[in-house]
Each structure stands twice: as C-alpha cells, then as structure tokens.
C-alpha cells in the first residue's frame, strides 16, 4: 500500500492508504472530518469541495494518493486559518471565518448540505477576486449545486463576506 503524507488543517498525517481510496473517504472515514460531505461521487455537486494547495478541489474524484505532499484545508479548519478568529484556551474555536458568518447572517443555506462545499469554493473565489460582482460570484460557484435556496442568498453571503474581509474584520 502506498504511504501518503498530507497536511490537513494544520496537522500532518502520514498513513498507508489503498491506491484506489477516494480522498473524501480518507477525510471522512479515516480522519473523522465529516464536514466534507459526499453528495454525488461524480464531481457534479461540489458538496465535497476542499482546498488543496489553496485551490478548490472536489475530493470525491481525487484519490488520497494524489494528496500526498499537499496542504489541505477543510471546512473544519477554516476558522482556525482565518486571521480574525480567536482560539481560547483548550483549543475550542469561538470565531468563524467571514464566509461562515455571512452564510449564517444572510440566510445562505437551508438544508445546509451544500454549504461546506459552497464556502470552500467561495474561499478560493475570494482569494482570486476579493471584490467580485454578482455575476462573477455566480460564475465562480458554477460547479457547486444547491437544491434549496435558488442561490440568491448564497450570492449575498459571498458578497457580504468579501466586504467584511476587505474591511479587515
């Protein structure tokens, strides 16, 4: 079995994995990072989106061996990676990333199943374009599907987060 070494949410993991193991199953089943959802197993919905070396990737069509040597960020580690978040004693996170806050305050979710993938894709979008228009947000999230909201509040949430992030919150 191949051995991989991958840094996920700031922690380095070294594991033997089957060559055919999908990265989403490695995250969920091996590491217990269940915030990365499985929606379609075909890369159509984007519920499994994580950041790999800073760019959004659909973990359901990526093999765990392809993550070898990479730095990965999941929805669980997002707030810890945000400069504005605070981490009190004991390691419990009390701050949210601006995208997490905006999805909450702008009602950018209903059932919430797509939300982790939407947020992670939005992190990548805002890294490339910190001041996107509504059309640019819609285009940037094309690979992520929501079956509940109609996208209006998701777009509002991404725009609100972009504004907050530019302000340095």
C-alpha atoms as a PDB file:
ATOM      1  CA  UNK A   1       0.000   0.000   0.000  1.00  0.00           C
ATOM      2  CA  UNK A   2       1.249   3.494  -0.763  1.00  0.00           C
ATOM      3  CA  UNK A   3       2.098   5.795   2.126  1.00  0.00           C
ATOM      4  CA  UNK A   4       0.946   9.398   1.986  1.00  0.00           C
ATOM      5  CA  UNK A   5       1.927  12.439   3.991  1.00  0.00           C
ATOM      6  CA  UNK A   6      -0.573  15.270   3.844  1.00  0.00           C
ATOM      7  CA  UNK A   7      -1.062  18.390   5.939  1.00  0.00           C
ATOM      8  CA  UNK A   8      -4.757  18.867   6.717  1.00  0.00           C
ATOM      9  CA  UNK A   9      -5.990  21.883   8.664  1.00  0.00           C
ATOM     10  CA  UNK A  10      -2.501  22.399  10.047  1.00  0.00           C
ATOM     11  CA  UNK A  11      -1.870  18.813  11.148  1.00  0.00           C
ATOM     12  CA  UNK A  12       0.369  16.451   9.180  1.00  0.00           C
ATOM     13  CA  UNK A  13      -0.943  12.917   8.695  1.00  0.00           C
ATOM     14  CA  UNK A  14       1.148  10.008   7.473  1.00  0.00           C
ATOM     15  CA  UNK A  15      -0.893   6.954   6.547  1.00  0.00           C
ATOM     16  CA  UNK A  16      -0.860   3.842   4.434  1.00  0.00           C
ATOM     17  CA  UNK A  17      -3.801   4.005   2.021  1.00  0.00           C
ATOM     18  CA  UNK A  18      -5.184   1.804  -0.689  1.00  0.00           C
ATOM     19  CA  UNK A  19      -4.291   3.207  -4.100  1.00  0.00           C
ATOM     20  CA  UNK A  20      -7.992   3.389  -5.025  1.00  0.00           C
ATOM     21  CA  UNK A  21      -9.164   5.209  -1.851  1.00  0.00           C
ATOM     22  CA  UNK A  22     -11.001   8.429  -2.670  1.00  0.00           C
ATOM     23  CA  UNK A  23      -9.777  11.470  -0.774  1.00  0.00           C
ATOM     24  CA  UNK A  24     -13.277  12.260   0.517  1.00  0.00           C
ATOM     25  CA  UNK A  25     -13.395   8.817   2.164  1.00  0.00           C
ATOM     26  CA  UNK A  26      -9.931   9.339   3.647  1.00  0.00           C
ATOM     27  CA  UNK A  27     -11.105  12.643   5.162  1.00  0.00           C
ATOM     28  CA  UNK A  28     -14.419  11.335   6.465  1.00  0.00           C
ATOM     29  CA  UNK A  29     -13.745   7.704   7.355  1.00  0.00           C
ATOM     30  CA  UNK A  30     -10.083   7.723   8.349  1.00  0.00           C
ATOM     31  CA  UNK A  31      -9.777  11.186   9.888  1.00  0.00           C
ATOM     32  CA  UNK A  32     -13.369  11.828  11.005  1.00  0.00           C
ATOM     33  CA  UNK A  33     -13.607  15.143   9.135  1.00  0.00           C
ATOM     34  CA  UNK A  34     -17.269  14.709   8.285  1.00  0.00           C
ATOM     35  CA  UNK A  35     -17.893  18.357   7.398  1.00  0.00           C
ATOM     36  CA  UNK A  36     -16.748  17.426   3.906  1.00  0.00           C
ATOM     37  CA  UNK A  37     -19.951  15.966   2.505  1.00  0.00           C
ATOM     38  CA  UNK A  38     -20.478  13.303  -0.129  1.00  0.00           C
ATOM     39  CA  UNK A  39     -23.225  14.328  -2.489  1.00  0.00           C
ATOM     40  CA  UNK A  40     -22.860  12.687  -5.869  1.00  0.00           C
ATOM     41  CA  UNK A  41     -19.487  10.882  -6.225  1.00  0.00           C
ATOM     42  CA  UNK A  42     -19.228  12.304  -9.746  1.00  0.00           C
ATOM     43  CA  UNK A  43     -17.942  15.869  -9.120  1.00  0.00           C
ATOM     44  CA  UNK A  44     -21.270  17.355 -10.223  1.00  0.00           C
ATOM     45  CA  UNK A  45     -22.499  18.852  -6.944  1.00  0.00           C
ATOM     46  CA  UNK A  46     -19.412  20.212  -5.157  1.00  0.00           C
ATOM     47  CA  UNK A  47     -20.548  19.212  -1.645  1.00  0.00           C
ATOM     48  CA  UNK A  48     -17.133  17.613  -1.120  1.00  0.00           C
ATOM     49  CA  UNK A  49     -15.083  20.702  -2.036  1.00  0.00           C
ATOM     50  CA  UNK A  50     -11.907  21.297  -0.035  1.00  0.00           C
ATOM     51  CA  UNK A  51      -8.874  23.474  -0.691  1.00  0.00           C
ATOM     52  CA  UNK A  52      -5.794  21.649  -1.945  1.00  0.00           C
ATOM     53  CA  UNK A  53      -2.714  23.847  -2.001  1.00  0.00           C
ATOM     54  CA  UNK A  54      -5.042  26.850  -1.834  1.00  0.00           C
ATOM     55  CA  UNK A  55      -7.347  25.905  -4.687  1.00  0.00           C
ATOM     56  CA  UNK A  56     -10.779  24.331  -4.545  1.00  0.00           C
ATOM     57  CA  UNK A  57     -10.893  20.649  -5.414  1.00  0.00           C
ATOM     58  CA  UNK A  58     -13.704  18.126  -5.388  1.00  0.00           C
ATOM     59  CA  UNK A  59     -12.460  15.414  -3.080  1.00  0.00           C
ATOM     60  CA  UNK A  60     -14.883  12.772  -4.405  1.00  0.00           C
ATOM     61  CA  UNK A  61     -12.949  12.474  -7.655  1.00  0.00           C
ATOM     62  CA  UNK A  62      -9.489  12.812  -6.146  1.00  0.00           C
ATOM     63  CA  UNK A  63      -7.559   9.834  -4.880  1.00  0.00           C
ATOM     64  CA  UNK A  64      -5.984  10.044  -1.443  1.00  0.00           C
ATOM     65  CA  UNK A  65      -2.591   9.295  -3.024  1.00  0.00           C
ATOM     66  CA  UNK A  66      -2.981  12.456  -5.119  1.00  0.00           C
ATOM     67  CA  UNK A  67      -2.983  14.490  -1.885  1.00  0.00           C
ATOM     68  CA  UNK A  68       0.472  13.209  -0.958  1.00  0.00           C
ATOM     69  CA  UNK A  69       2.678  16.201  -0.186  1.00  0.00           C
ATOM     70  CA  UNK A  70      -0.210  18.667  -0.350  1.00  0.00           C
ATOM     71  CA  UNK A  71      -1.620  21.131   2.134  1.00  0.00           C
ATOM     72  CA  UNK A  72      -5.386  20.752   2.520  1.00  0.00           C
ATOM     73  CA  UNK A  73      -7.953  22.908   4.234  1.00  0.00           C
ATOM     74  CA  UNK A  74     -11.395  21.570   5.122  1.00  0.00           C
ATOM     75  CA  UNK A  75     -14.446  23.349   6.478  1.00  0.00           C
ATOM     76  CA  UNK A  76     -13.442  22.195   9.982  1.00  0.00           C
ATOM     77  CA  UNK A  77     -10.136  24.047   9.783  1.00  0.00           C
ATOM     78  CA  UNK A  78     -11.406  27.153   8.030  1.00  0.00           C
ATOM     79  CA  UNK A  79     -11.953  29.348  11.087  1.00  0.00           C
ATOM     80  CA  UNK A  80      -8.575  28.353  12.566  1.00  0.00           C
ATOM     81  CA  UNK A  81      -6.906  29.505   9.367  1.00  0.00           C
ATOM     82  CA  UNK A  82      -8.598  32.914   9.439  1.00  0.00           C
ATOM     83  CA  UNK A  83      -6.527  35.702  10.958  1.00  0.00           C
ATOM     84  CA  UNK A  84      -9.591  37.286  12.568  1.00  0.00           C
ATOM     85  CA  UNK A  85     -10.577  34.156  14.507  1.00  0.00           C
ATOM     86  CA  UNK A  86      -9.520  33.711  18.099  1.00  0.00           C
ATOM     87  CA  UNK A  87      -8.690  30.445  19.758  1.00  0.00           C
ATOM     88  CA  UNK A  88      -9.236  30.384  23.509  1.00  0.00           C
ATOM     89  CA  UNK A  89      -7.524  28.042  25.936  1.00  0.00           C
ATOM     90  CA  UNK A  90      -8.364  24.388  25.377  1.00  0.00           C
ATOM     91  CA  UNK A  91      -8.358  24.669  21.588  1.00  0.00           C
ATOM     92  CA  UNK A  92     -12.083  25.385  21.147  1.00  0.00           C
ATOM     93  CA  UNK A  93     -12.740  27.789  18.303  1.00  0.00           C
ATOM     94  CA  UNK A  94     -15.086  30.651  19.121  1.00  0.00           C
ATOM     95  CA  UNK A  95     -14.594  32.675  15.935  1.00  0.00           C
ATOM     96  CA  UNK A  96     -15.938  31.949  12.476  1.00  0.00           C
ATOM     97  CA  UNK A  97     -14.470  32.758   9.107  1.00  0.00           C
ATOM     98  CA  UNK A  98     -16.300  35.710   7.500  1.00  0.00           C
ATOM     99  CA  UNK A  99     -17.850  33.346   4.939  1.00  0.00           C
ATOM    100  CA  UNK A 100     -19.283  31.155   7.678  1.00  0.00           C
ATOM    101  CA  UNK A 101     -20.698  34.221   9.424  1.00  0.00           C
ATOM    102  CA  UNK A 102     -22.123  35.625   6.186  1.00  0.00           C
ATOM    103  CA  UNK A 103     -23.805  32.354   5.200  1.00  0.00           C
ATOM    104  CA  UNK A 104     -25.469  32.420   8.622  1.00  0.00           C
ATOM    105  CA  UNK A 105     -26.493  36.078   8.695  1.00  0.00           C
ATOM    106  CA  UNK A 106     -27.534  36.290   5.021  1.00  0.00           C
ATOM    107  CA  UNK A 107     -29.506  33.010   5.200  1.00  0.00           C
ATOM    108  CA  UNK A 108     -27.296  31.461   2.508  1.00  0.00           C
ATOM    109  CA  UNK A 109     -28.364  27.963   3.476  1.00  0.00           C
ATOM    110  CA  UNK A 110     -31.465  25.945   4.063  1.00  0.00           C
ATOM    111  CA  UNK A 111     -30.749  22.263   4.500  1.00  0.00           C
ATOM    112  CA  UNK A 112     -27.019  23.065   4.743  1.00  0.00           C
ATOM    113  CA  UNK A 113     -25.775  20.042   2.840  1.00  0.00           C
ATOM    114  CA  UNK A 114     -24.055  22.061   0.104  1.00  0.00           C
ATOM    115  CA  UNK A 115     -22.838  24.768   2.484  1.00  0.00           C
ATOM    116  CA  UNK A 116     -19.355  23.409   3.334  1.00  0.00           C
ATOM    117  CA  UNK A 117     -18.545  22.978  -0.354  1.00  0.00           C
ATOM    118  CA  UNK A 118     -20.025  26.376  -1.237  1.00  0.00           C
ATOM    119  CA  UNK A 119     -17.980  28.055   1.469  1.00  0.00           C
ATOM    120  CA  UNK A 120     -14.741  26.338   0.452  1.00  0.00           C
ATOM    121  CA  UNK A 121     -15.284  27.219  -3.229  1.00  0.00           C
ATOM    122  CA  UNK A 122     -16.003  30.795  -2.122  1.00  0.00           C
ATOM    123  CA  UNK A 123     -12.691  30.957  -0.228  1.00  0.00           C
ATOM    124  CA  UNK A 124     -10.894  30.131  -3.472  1.00  0.00           C
ATOM    125  CA  UNK A 125     -13.032  32.610  -5.421  1.00  0.00           C
ATOM    126  CA  UNK A 126     -12.327  35.462  -2.993  1.00  0.00           C
ATOM    127  CA  UNK A 127      -8.607  34.659  -2.915  1.00  0.00           C
ATOM    128  CA  UNK A 128      -8.513  35.218  -6.681  1.00  0.00           C
ATOM    129  CA  UNK A 129     -11.043  38.056  -6.763  1.00  0.00           C
ATOM    130  CA  UNK A 130     -11.538  39.879  -3.450  1.00  0.00           C
ATOM    131  CA  UNK A 131     -14.224  42.201  -4.893  1.00  0.00           C
ATOM    132  CA  UNK A 132     -16.397  40.085  -7.196  1.00  0.00           C
ATOM    133  CA  UNK A 133     -19.576  41.248  -8.880  1.00  0.00           C
ATOM    134  CA  UNK A 134     -22.773  39.221  -8.589  1.00  0.00           C
ATOM    135  CA  UNK A 135     -22.104  37.645 -11.995  1.00  0.00           C
ATOM    136  CA  UNK A 136     -18.522  36.791 -11.010  1.00  0.00           C
ATOM    137  CA  UNK A 137     -19.763  35.127  -7.818  1.00  0.00           C
ATOM    138  CA  UNK A 138     -22.341  33.108  -9.743  1.00  0.00           C
ATOM    139  CA  UNK A 139     -19.724  32.082 -12.302  1.00  0.00           C
ATOM    140  CA  UNK A 140     -17.191  31.250  -9.572  1.00  0.00           C
ATOM    141  CA  UNK A 141     -19.652  28.907  -7.854  1.00  0.00           C
ATOM    142  CA  UNK A 142     -20.915  27.189 -11.023  1.00  0.00           C
ATOM    143  CA  UNK A 143     -19.519  23.799 -10.025  1.00  0.00           C
ATOM    144  CA  UNK A 144     -21.405  23.779  -6.718  1.00  0.00           C
ATOM    145  CA  UNK A 145     -25.091  22.936  -6.645  1.00  0.00           C
ATOM    146  CA  UNK A 146     -27.725  23.925  -4.125  1.00  0.00           C
ATOM    147  CA  UNK A 147     -31.107  22.299  -4.360  1.00  0.00           C
ATOM    148  CA  UNK A 148     -32.816  24.546  -1.793  1.00  0.00           C
ATOM    149  CA  UNK A 149     -32.054  28.259  -1.961  1.00  0.00           C
ATOM    150  CA  UNK A 150     -32.077  29.383  -5.568  1.00  0.00           C
ATOM    151  CA  UNK A 151     -28.609  30.914  -4.973  1.00  0.00           C
ATOM    152  CA  UNK A 152     -29.774  34.486  -4.283  1.00  0.00           C
ATOM    153  CA  UNK A 153     -28.830  34.408  -0.594  1.00  0.00           C
ATOM    154  CA  UNK A 154     -25.652  32.447  -1.300  1.00  0.00           C
ATOM    155  CA  UNK A 155     -24.502  35.228  -3.630  1.00  0.00           C
ATOM    156  CA  UNK A 156     -25.470  37.824  -0.993  1.00  0.00           C
ATOM    157  CA  UNK A 157     -23.455  35.897   1.595  1.00  0.00           C
ATOM    158  CA  UNK A 158     -20.324  35.752  -0.560  1.00  0.00           C
ATOM    159  CA  UNK A 159     -20.632  39.474  -1.335  1.00  0.00           C
ATOM    160  CA  UNK A 160     -21.102  40.293   2.383  1.00  0.00           C
ATOM    161  CA  UNK A 161     -18.066  38.206   3.317  1.00  0.00           C
ATOM    162  CA  UNK A 162     -15.969  39.887   0.622  1.00  0.00           C
ATOM    163  CA  UNK A 163     -16.919  43.281   2.027  1.00  0.00           C
ATOM    164  CA  UNK A 164     -16.099  42.178   5.575  1.00  0.00           C
ATOM    165  CA  UNK A 165     -12.791  40.634   4.543  1.00  0.00           C
ATOM    166  CA  UNK A 166     -11.741  43.800   2.679  1.00  0.00           C
ATOM    167  CA  UNK A 167     -12.503  45.791   5.819  1.00  0.00           C
ATOM    168  CA  UNK A 168     -10.072  43.532   7.699  1.00  0.00           C
ATOM    169  CA  UNK A 169     -12.596  42.075  10.124  1.00  0.00           C
END
